Amino acid sequence: FGFEDLLLVDPPELDPDGEAYGYAGHAREDILP
């Protein structure tokens, strides 16, 4: 839906090979990292 700026307060570990990147779809390329 066109949002870009993701802010994380006390986040869990976001392993590039883990769930977060697996669920993120194409957002793994820019928004998440």
Full PDB file with SEQRES, HELIX, SHEET, SSBOND, CRYST1, ORIGX, SCALE, CONECT and MASTER records, all heavy atoms in Angstrom:
SEQRES   1 A   33  PHE GLY PHE GLU ASP LEU LEU LEU VAL ASP PRO PRO GLU          
SEQRES   2 A   33  LEU ASP PRO ASP GLY GLU ALA TYR GLY TYR ALA GLY HIS          
SEQRES   3 A   33  ALA ARG GLU ASP ILE LEU PRO                                  
HELIX    1 AA1 GLU A   19  TYR A   23  1                                   5    
HELIX    2 AA2 GLY A   25  GLU A   29  5                                   5    
CRYST1    1.000    1.000    1.000  90.00  90.00  90.00 P 1           1          
ORIGX1      1.000000  0.000000  0.000000        0.00000                         
ORIGX2      0.000000  1.000000  0.000000        0.00000                         
ORIGX3      0.000000  0.000000  1.000000        0.00000                         
SCALE1      1.000000  0.000000  0.000000        0.00000                         
SCALE2      0.000000  1.000000  0.000000        0.00000                         
SCALE3      0.000000  0.000000  1.000000        0.00000                         
ATOM      1  N   PHE A   1       0.803  -1.220   0.000  1.00  0.00           N  
ATOM      2  CA  PHE A   1       0.000   0.000   0.000  1.00  0.00           C  
ATOM      3  C   PHE A   1       0.840   1.276   0.000  1.00  0.00           C  
ATOM      4  O   PHE A   1       0.328   2.362   0.306  1.00  0.00           O  
ATOM      5  CB  PHE A   1      -0.964  -0.026   1.186  1.00  0.00           C  
ATOM      6  CG  PHE A   1      -1.866  -1.231   1.161  1.00  0.00           C  
ATOM      7  CD1 PHE A   1      -1.860  -2.163   2.190  1.00  0.00           C  
ATOM      8  CD2 PHE A   1      -2.692  -1.471   0.071  1.00  0.00           C  
ATOM      9  CE1 PHE A   1      -2.665  -3.289   2.150  1.00  0.00           C  
ATOM     10  CE2 PHE A   1      -3.505  -2.594   0.016  1.00  0.00           C  
ATOM     11  CZ  PHE A   1      -3.493  -3.502   1.054  1.00  0.00           C  
ATOM     12  N   GLY A   2       2.113   1.175  -0.366  1.00  0.00           N  
ATOM     13  CA  GLY A   2       2.913   2.353  -0.653  1.00  0.00           C  
ATOM     14  C   GLY A   2       3.606   3.020   0.524  1.00  0.00           C  
ATOM     15  O   GLY A   2       4.105   4.134   0.378  1.00  0.00           O  
ATOM     16  N   PHE A   3       3.665   2.366   1.674  1.00  0.00           N  
ATOM     17  CA  PHE A   3       4.363   2.924   2.827  1.00  0.00           C  
ATOM     18  C   PHE A   3       5.813   2.427   2.824  1.00  0.00           C  
ATOM     19  O   PHE A   3       6.082   1.298   2.417  1.00  0.00           O  
ATOM     20  CB  PHE A   3       3.673   2.522   4.128  1.00  0.00           C  
ATOM     21  CG  PHE A   3       2.291   3.104   4.267  1.00  0.00           C  
ATOM     22  CD1 PHE A   3       1.194   2.491   3.666  1.00  0.00           C  
ATOM     23  CD2 PHE A   3       2.088   4.275   4.979  1.00  0.00           C  
ATOM     24  CE1 PHE A   3      -0.071   3.030   3.778  1.00  0.00           C  
ATOM     25  CE2 PHE A   3       0.821   4.823   5.096  1.00  0.00           C  
ATOM     26  CZ  PHE A   3      -0.261   4.206   4.496  1.00  0.00           C  
ATOM     27  N   GLU A   4       6.733   3.257   3.296  1.00  0.00           N  
ATOM     28  CA  GLU A   4       8.151   2.922   3.154  1.00  0.00           C  
ATOM     29  C   GLU A   4       8.947   2.924   4.455  1.00  0.00           C  
ATOM     30  O   GLU A   4       9.916   2.191   4.581  1.00  0.00           O  
ATOM     31  CB  GLU A   4       8.814   3.908   2.175  1.00  0.00           C  
ATOM     32  CG  GLU A   4       8.225   3.860   0.772  1.00  0.00           C  
ATOM     33  CD  GLU A   4       8.867   4.880  -0.149  1.00  0.00           C  
ATOM     34  OE1 GLU A   4       9.644   5.742   0.349  1.00  0.00           O  
ATOM     35  OE2 GLU A   4       8.589   4.828  -1.365  1.00  0.00           O  
ATOM     36  N   ASP A   5       8.556   3.759   5.413  1.00  0.00           N  
ATOM     37  CA  ASP A   5       9.385   4.007   6.592  1.00  0.00           C  
ATOM     38  C   ASP A   5       8.934   3.130   7.759  1.00  0.00           C  
ATOM     39  O   ASP A   5       7.899   3.400   8.379  1.00  0.00           O  
ATOM     40  CB  ASP A   5       9.298   5.496   6.956  1.00  0.00           C  
ATOM     41  CG  ASP A   5      10.305   5.905   8.013  1.00  0.00           C  
ATOM     42  OD1 ASP A   5      11.181   5.079   8.360  1.00  0.00           O  
ATOM     43  OD2 ASP A   5      10.218   7.046   8.498  1.00  0.00           O  
ATOM     44  N   LEU A   6       9.698   2.094   8.078  1.00  0.00           N  
ATOM     45  CA  LEU A   6       9.371   1.167   9.153  1.00  0.00           C  
ATOM     46  C   LEU A   6      10.246   1.463  10.369  1.00  0.00           C  
ATOM     47  O   LEU A   6      11.479   1.469  10.282  1.00  0.00           O  
ATOM     48  CB  LEU A   6       9.580  -0.280   8.692  1.00  0.00           C  
ATOM     49  CG  LEU A   6       9.362  -1.386   9.729  1.00  0.00           C  
ATOM     50  CD1 LEU A   6       7.931  -1.346  10.274  1.00  0.00           C  
ATOM     51  CD2 LEU A   6       9.662  -2.756   9.112  1.00  0.00           C  
ATOM     52  N   LEU A   7       9.601   1.715  11.504  1.00  0.00           N  
ATOM     53  CA  LEU A   7      10.285   2.007  12.766  1.00  0.00           C  
ATOM     54  C   LEU A   7      10.032   0.856  13.737  1.00  0.00           C  
ATOM     55  O   LEU A   7       8.879   0.434  13.897  1.00  0.00           O  
ATOM     56  CB  LEU A   7       9.759   3.322  13.372  1.00  0.00           C  
ATOM     57  CG  LEU A   7       9.738   4.539  12.453  1.00  0.00           C  
ATOM     58  CD1 LEU A   7       9.071   5.716  13.157  1.00  0.00           C  
ATOM     59  CD2 LEU A   7      11.138   4.903  12.003  1.00  0.00           C  
ATOM     60  N   LEU A   8      11.072   0.380  14.390  1.00  0.00           N  
ATOM     61  CA  LEU A   8      10.948  -0.773  15.280  1.00  0.00           C  
ATOM     62  C   LEU A   8      11.426  -0.412  16.677  1.00  0.00           C  
ATOM     63  O   LEU A   8      12.558   0.037  16.868  1.00  0.00           O  
ATOM     64  CB  LEU A   8      11.762  -1.953  14.735  1.00  0.00           C  
ATOM     65  CG  LEU A   8      11.379  -2.449  13.331  1.00  0.00           C  
ATOM     66  CD1 LEU A   8      12.347  -3.522  12.865  1.00  0.00           C  
ATOM     67  CD2 LEU A   8       9.940  -2.956  13.306  1.00  0.00           C  
ATOM     68  N   VAL A   9      10.530  -0.620  17.654  1.00  0.00           N  
ATOM     69  CA  VAL A   9      10.860  -0.396  19.055  1.00  0.00           C  
ATOM     70  C   VAL A   9      11.010  -1.760  19.723  1.00  0.00           C  
ATOM     71  O   VAL A   9      10.069  -2.555  19.723  1.00  0.00           O  
ATOM     72  CB  VAL A   9       9.766   0.428  19.760  1.00  0.00           C  
ATOM     73  CG1 VAL A   9      10.077   0.583  21.246  1.00  0.00           C  
ATOM     74  CG2 VAL A   9       9.605   1.792  19.099  1.00  0.00           C  
ATOM     75  N   ASP A  10      12.174  -2.039  20.261  1.00  0.00           N  
ATOM     76  CA  ASP A  10      12.456  -3.326  20.915  1.00  0.00           C  
ATOM     77  C   ASP A  10      12.045  -4.513  20.046  1.00  0.00           C  
ATOM     78  O   ASP A  10      11.252  -5.373  20.472  1.00  0.00           O  
ATOM     79  CB  ASP A  10      11.738  -3.414  22.270  1.00  0.00           C  
ATOM     80  CG  ASP A  10      12.213  -2.353  23.248  1.00  0.00           C  
ATOM     81  OD1 ASP A  10      13.413  -2.019  23.213  1.00  0.00           O  
ATOM     82  OD2 ASP A  10      11.390  -1.866  24.045  1.00  0.00           O  
ATOM     83  N   PRO A  11      12.565  -4.609  18.845  1.00  0.00           N  
ATOM     84  CA  PRO A  11      12.134  -5.686  17.949  1.00  0.00           C  
ATOM     85  C   PRO A  11      12.811  -7.013  18.285  1.00  0.00           C  
ATOM     86  O   PRO A  11      13.869  -7.044  18.938  1.00  0.00           O  
ATOM     87  CB  PRO A  11      12.609  -5.188  16.579  1.00  0.00           C  
ATOM     88  CG  PRO A  11      13.847  -4.401  16.894  1.00  0.00           C  
ATOM     89  CD  PRO A  11      13.562  -3.721  18.208  1.00  0.00           C  
ATOM     90  N   PRO A  12      12.198  -8.114  17.832  1.00  0.00           N  
ATOM     91  CA  PRO A  12      12.898  -9.402  17.923  1.00  0.00           C  
ATOM     92  C   PRO A  12      14.032  -9.417  16.902  1.00  0.00           C  
ATOM     93  O   PRO A  12      14.133  -8.535  16.042  1.00  0.00           O  
ATOM     94  CB  PRO A  12      11.812 -10.410  17.562  1.00  0.00           C  
ATOM     95  CG  PRO A  12      10.895  -9.651  16.646  1.00  0.00           C  
ATOM     96  CD  PRO A  12      10.894  -8.233  17.160  1.00  0.00           C  
ATOM     97  N   GLU A  13      14.874 -10.408  16.988  1.00  0.00           N  
ATOM     98  CA  GLU A  13      15.963 -10.526  16.010  1.00  0.00           C  
ATOM     99  C   GLU A  13      15.373 -10.829  14.630  1.00  0.00           C  
ATOM    100  O   GLU A  13      14.538 -11.724  14.482  1.00  0.00           O  
ATOM    101  CB  GLU A  13      16.934 -11.627  16.422  1.00  0.00           C  
ATOM    102  CG  GLU A  13      18.119 -11.771  15.478  1.00  0.00           C  
ATOM    103  CD  GLU A  13      19.092 -12.841  15.916  1.00  0.00           C  
ATOM    104  OE1 GLU A  13      18.904 -13.397  17.012  1.00  0.00           O  
ATOM    105  OE2 GLU A  13      20.045 -13.131  15.146  1.00  0.00           O  
ATOM    106  N   LEU A  14      15.817 -10.075  13.646  1.00  0.00           N  
ATOM    107  CA  LEU A  14      15.303 -10.250  12.290  1.00  0.00           C  
ATOM    108  C   LEU A  14      16.389 -10.898  11.431  1.00  0.00           C  
ATOM    109  O   LEU A  14      17.180 -10.223  10.779  1.00  0.00           O  
ATOM    110  CB  LEU A  14      14.869  -8.903  11.710  1.00  0.00           C  
ATOM    111  CG  LEU A  14      13.822  -8.137  12.526  1.00  0.00           C  
ATOM    112  CD1 LEU A  14      13.461  -6.825  11.840  1.00  0.00           C  
ATOM    113  CD2 LEU A  14      12.577  -8.980  12.769  1.00  0.00           C  
ATOM    114  N   ASP A  15      16.414 -12.206  11.446  1.00  0.00           N  
ATOM    115  CA  ASP A  15      17.400 -12.983  10.702  1.00  0.00           C  
ATOM    116  C   ASP A  15      17.034 -12.956   9.213  1.00  0.00           C  
ATOM    117  O   ASP A  15      15.910 -13.289   8.845  1.00  0.00           O  
ATOM    118  CB  ASP A  15      17.399 -14.416  11.229  1.00  0.00           C  
ATOM    119  CG  ASP A  15      18.447 -15.302  10.558  1.00  0.00           C  
ATOM    120  OD1 ASP A  15      19.062 -14.869   9.561  1.00  0.00           O  
ATOM    121  OD2 ASP A  15      18.630 -16.435  11.039  1.00  0.00           O  
ATOM    122  N   PRO A  16      17.960 -12.554   8.336  1.00  0.00           N  
ATOM    123  CA  PRO A  16      17.670 -12.558   6.892  1.00  0.00           C  
ATOM    124  C   PRO A  16      17.227 -13.913   6.366  1.00  0.00           C  
ATOM    125  O   PRO A  16      16.594 -13.989   5.301  1.00  0.00           O  
ATOM    126  CB  PRO A  16      18.990 -12.119   6.259  1.00  0.00           C  
ATOM    127  CG  PRO A  16      19.654 -11.316   7.329  1.00  0.00           C  
ATOM    128  CD  PRO A  16      19.280 -11.984   8.627  1.00  0.00           C  
ATOM    129  N   ASP A  17      17.532 -14.974   7.085  1.00  0.00           N  
ATOM    130  CA  ASP A  17      17.104 -16.314   6.665  1.00  0.00           C  
ATOM    131  C   ASP A  17      15.906 -16.808   7.475  1.00  0.00           C  
ATOM    132  O   ASP A  17      15.528 -17.979   7.371  1.00  0.00           O  
ATOM    133  CB  ASP A  17      18.262 -17.308   6.819  1.00  0.00           C  
ATOM    134  CG  ASP A  17      19.430 -16.980   5.900  1.00  0.00           C  
ATOM    135  OD1 ASP A  17      19.176 -16.606   4.736  1.00  0.00           O  
ATOM    136  OD2 ASP A  17      20.583 -17.083   6.355  1.00  0.00           O  
ATOM    137  N   GLY A  18      15.316 -15.928   8.266  1.00  0.00           N  
ATOM    138  CA  GLY A  18      14.245 -16.355   9.158  1.00  0.00           C  
ATOM    139  C   GLY A  18      12.862 -15.917   8.717  1.00  0.00           C  
ATOM    140  O   GLY A  18      12.623 -15.518   7.574  1.00  0.00           O  
ATOM    141  N   GLU A  19      11.912 -15.960   9.691  1.00  0.00           N  
ATOM    142  CA  GLU A  19      10.498 -15.719   9.415  1.00  0.00           C  
ATOM    143  C   GLU A  19      10.221 -14.326   8.856  1.00  0.00           C  
ATOM    144  O   GLU A  19       9.414 -14.161   7.950  1.00  0.00           O  
ATOM    145  CB  GLU A  19       9.679 -15.886  10.701  1.00  0.00           C  
ATOM    146  CG  GLU A  19       9.184 -17.283  10.961  1.00  0.00           C  
ATOM    147  CD  GLU A  19       8.191 -17.305  12.113  1.00  0.00           C  
ATOM    148  OE1 GLU A  19       7.976 -16.246  12.758  1.00  0.00           O  
ATOM    149  OE2 GLU A  19       7.622 -18.370  12.360  1.00  0.00           O  
ATOM    150  N   ALA A  20      10.846 -13.313   9.444  1.00  0.00           N  
ATOM    151  CA  ALA A  20      10.532 -11.940   9.035  1.00  0.00           C  
ATOM    152  C   ALA A  20      10.748 -11.753   7.544  1.00  0.00           C  
ATOM    153  O   ALA A  20       9.874 -11.248   6.834  1.00  0.00           O  
ATOM    154  CB  ALA A  20      11.383 -10.942   9.825  1.00  0.00           C  
ATOM    155  N   TYR A  21      11.901 -12.163   7.062  1.00  0.00           N  
ATOM    156  CA  TYR A  21      12.197 -12.000   5.644  1.00  0.00           C  
ATOM    157  C   TYR A  21      11.368 -12.973   4.803  1.00  0.00           C  
ATOM    158  O   TYR A  21      11.014 -12.672   3.660  1.00  0.00           O  
ATOM    159  CB  TYR A  21      13.691 -12.188   5.394  1.00  0.00           C  
ATOM    160  CG  TYR A  21      14.489 -10.945   5.720  1.00  0.00           C  
ATOM    161  CD1 TYR A  21      14.781 -10.617   7.044  1.00  0.00           C  
ATOM    162  CD2 TYR A  21      14.926 -10.086   4.728  1.00  0.00           C  
ATOM    163  CE1 TYR A  21      15.492  -9.468   7.363  1.00  0.00           C  
ATOM    164  CE2 TYR A  21      15.639  -8.930   5.027  1.00  0.00           C  
ATOM    165  CZ  TYR A  21      15.919  -8.632   6.351  1.00  0.00           C  
ATOM    166  OH  TYR A  21      16.614  -7.484   6.654  1.00  0.00           O  
ATOM    167  N   GLY A  22      11.039 -14.136   5.366  1.00  0.00           N  
ATOM    168  CA  GLY A  22      10.206 -15.083   4.639  1.00  0.00           C  
ATOM    169  C   GLY A  22       8.797 -14.570   4.430  1.00  0.00           C  
ATOM    170  O   GLY A  22       8.181 -14.824   3.394  1.00  0.00           O  
ATOM    171  N   TYR A  23       8.251 -13.845   5.410  1.00  0.00           N  
ATOM    172  CA  TYR A  23       6.886 -13.328   5.319  1.00  0.00           C  
ATOM    173  C   TYR A  23       6.805 -11.991   4.580  1.00  0.00           C  
ATOM    174  O   TYR A  23       5.711 -11.553   4.223  1.00  0.00           O  
ATOM    175  CB  TYR A  23       6.301 -13.127   6.716  1.00  0.00           C  
ATOM    176  CG  TYR A  23       5.939 -14.389   7.457  1.00  0.00           C  
ATOM    177  CD1 TYR A  23       6.365 -15.636   7.022  1.00  0.00           C  
ATOM    178  CD2 TYR A  23       5.172 -14.335   8.609  1.00  0.00           C  
ATOM    179  CE1 TYR A  23       6.040 -16.796   7.707  1.00  0.00           C  
ATOM    180  CE2 TYR A  23       4.831 -15.493   9.310  1.00  0.00           C  
ATOM    181  CZ  TYR A  23       5.277 -16.716   8.853  1.00  0.00           C  
ATOM    182  OH  TYR A  23       4.944 -17.858   9.531  1.00  0.00           O  
ATOM    183  N   ALA A  24       7.926 -11.351   4.366  1.00  0.00           N  
ATOM    184  CA  ALA A  24       7.913  -9.975   3.880  1.00  0.00           C  
ATOM    185  C   ALA A  24       7.689  -9.848   2.382  1.00  0.00           C  
ATOM    186  O   ALA A  24       7.413  -8.746   1.893  1.00  0.00           O  
ATOM    187  CB  ALA A  24       9.214  -9.270   4.269  1.00  0.00           C  
ATOM    188  N   GLY A  25       7.799 -10.936   1.623  1.00  0.00           N  
ATOM    189  CA  GLY A  25       7.658 -10.825   0.183  1.00  0.00           C  
ATOM    190  C   GLY A  25       8.710  -9.886  -0.388  1.00  0.00           C  
ATOM    191  O   GLY A  25       9.866  -9.888   0.025  1.00  0.00           O  
ATOM    192  N   HIS A  26       8.304  -9.015  -1.334  1.00  0.00           N  
ATOM    193  CA  HIS A  26       9.256  -8.089  -1.939  1.00  0.00           C  
ATOM    194  C   HIS A  26       9.733  -7.011  -0.976  1.00  0.00           C  
ATOM    195  O   HIS A  26      10.718  -6.320  -1.254  1.00  0.00           O  
ATOM    196  CB  HIS A  26       8.630  -7.437  -3.171  1.00  0.00           C  
ATOM    197  CG  HIS A  26       8.541  -8.381  -4.341  1.00  0.00           C  
ATOM    198  ND1 HIS A  26       8.118  -7.982  -5.581  1.00  0.00           N  
ATOM    199  CD2 HIS A  26       8.822  -9.697  -4.441  1.00  0.00           C  
ATOM    200  CE1 HIS A  26       8.138  -9.020  -6.410  1.00  0.00           C  
ATOM    201  NE2 HIS A  26       8.555 -10.074  -5.729  1.00  0.00           N  
ATOM    202  N   ALA A  27       9.053  -6.872   0.176  1.00  0.00           N  
ATOM    203  CA  ALA A  27       9.504  -5.896   1.172  1.00  0.00           C  
ATOM    204  C   ALA A  27      10.838  -6.310   1.793  1.00  0.00           C  
ATOM    205  O   ALA A  27      11.478  -5.500   2.458  1.00  0.00           O  
ATOM    206  CB  ALA A  27       8.452  -5.725   2.259  1.00  0.00           C  
ATOM    207  N   ARG A  28      11.250  -7.546   1.564  1.00  0.00           N  
ATOM    208  CA  ARG A  28      12.555  -7.982   2.066  1.00  0.00           C  
ATOM    209  C   ARG A  28      13.699  -7.271   1.355  1.00  0.00           C  
ATOM    210  O   ARG A  28      14.826  -7.253   1.845  1.00  0.00           O  
ATOM    211  CB  ARG A  28      12.719  -9.494   1.892  1.00  0.00           C  
ATOM    212  CG  ARG A  28      12.901  -9.941   0.440  1.00  0.00           C  
ATOM    213  CD  ARG A  28      13.318 -11.412   0.325  1.00  0.00           C  
ATOM    214  NE  ARG A  28      12.244 -12.277   0.737  1.00  0.00           N  
ATOM    215  CZ  ARG A  28      11.312 -12.754  -0.084  1.00  0.00           C  
ATOM    216  NH1 ARG A  28      11.320 -12.385  -1.367  1.00  0.00           N  
ATOM    217  NH2 ARG A  28      10.383 -13.557   0.347  1.00  0.00           N  
ATOM    218  N   GLU A  29      13.382  -6.664   0.191  1.00  0.00           N  
ATOM    219  CA  GLU A  29      14.433  -6.020  -0.595  1.00  0.00           C  
ATOM    220  C   GLU A  29      14.715  -4.593  -0.153  1.00  0.00           C  
ATOM    221  O   GLU A  29      15.795  -4.064  -0.424  1.00  0.00           O  
ATOM    222  CB  GLU A  29      14.031  -6.026  -2.076  1.00  0.00           C  
ATOM    223  CG  GLU A  29      13.834  -7.426  -2.638  1.00  0.00           C  
ATOM    224  CD  GLU A  29      13.173  -7.410  -4.012  1.00  0.00           C  
ATOM    225  OE1 GLU A  29      12.902  -6.287  -4.525  1.00  0.00           O  
ATOM    226  OE2 GLU A  29      12.909  -8.486  -4.553  1.00  0.00           O  
ATOM    227  N   ASP A  30      13.742  -3.932   0.500  1.00  0.00           N  
ATOM    228  CA  ASP A  30      13.966  -2.530   0.864  1.00  0.00           C  
ATOM    229  C   ASP A  30      13.393  -2.160   2.223  1.00  0.00           C  
ATOM    230  O   ASP A  30      14.131  -1.741   3.113  1.00  0.00           O  
ATOM    231  CB  ASP A  30      13.403  -1.593  -0.221  1.00  0.00           C  
ATOM    232  CG  ASP A  30      12.015  -1.996  -0.701  1.00  0.00           C  
ATOM    233  OD1 ASP A  30      11.307  -2.716   0.029  1.00  0.00           O  
ATOM    234  OD2 ASP A  30      11.623  -1.575  -1.810  1.00  0.00           O  
ATOM    235  N   ILE A  31      12.104  -2.351   2.436  1.00  0.00           N  
ATOM    236  CA  ILE A  31      11.484  -1.880   3.671  1.00  0.00           C  
ATOM    237  C   ILE A  31      12.081  -2.549   4.898  1.00  0.00           C  
ATOM    238  O   ILE A  31      12.462  -1.889   5.874  1.00  0.00           O  
ATOM    239  CB  ILE A  31       9.959  -2.095   3.618  1.00  0.00           C  
ATOM    240  CG1 ILE A  31       9.344  -1.189   2.553  1.00  0.00           C  
ATOM    241  CG2 ILE A  31       9.320  -1.818   4.979  1.00  0.00           C  
ATOM    242  CD1 ILE A  31       7.889  -1.417   2.304  1.00  0.00           C  
ATOM    243  N   LEU A  32      12.205  -3.863   4.879  1.00  0.00           N  
ATOM    244  CA  LEU A  32      12.699  -4.580   6.050  1.00  0.00           C  
ATOM    245  C   LEU A  32      14.179  -4.292   6.334  1.00  0.00           C  
ATOM    246  O   LEU A  32      14.525  -3.931   7.467  1.00  0.00           O  
ATOM    247  CB  LEU A  32      12.442  -6.080   5.873  1.00  0.00           C  
ATOM    248  CG  LEU A  32      12.316  -6.903   7.146  1.00  0.00           C  
ATOM    249  CD1 LEU A  32      11.347  -6.275   8.130  1.00  0.00           C  
ATOM    250  CD2 LEU A  32      11.872  -8.320   6.795  1.00  0.00           C  
ATOM    251  N   PRO A  33      15.078  -4.406   5.349  1.00  0.00           N  
ATOM    252  CA  PRO A  33      16.482  -4.104   5.658  1.00  0.00           C  
ATOM    253  C   PRO A  33      16.738  -2.638   5.984  1.00  0.00           C  
ATOM    254  O   PRO A  33      17.734  -2.310   6.639  1.00  0.00           O  
ATOM    255  CB  PRO A  33      17.224  -4.523   4.384  1.00  0.00           C  
ATOM    256  CG  PRO A  33      16.210  -4.534   3.311  1.00  0.00           C  
ATOM    257  CD  PRO A  33      14.921  -4.920   3.979  1.00  0.00           C  
TER     258      PRO A  33                                                      
MASTER        0    0    0    2    0    0    0    6  257    1    0    3          
END                                                                             
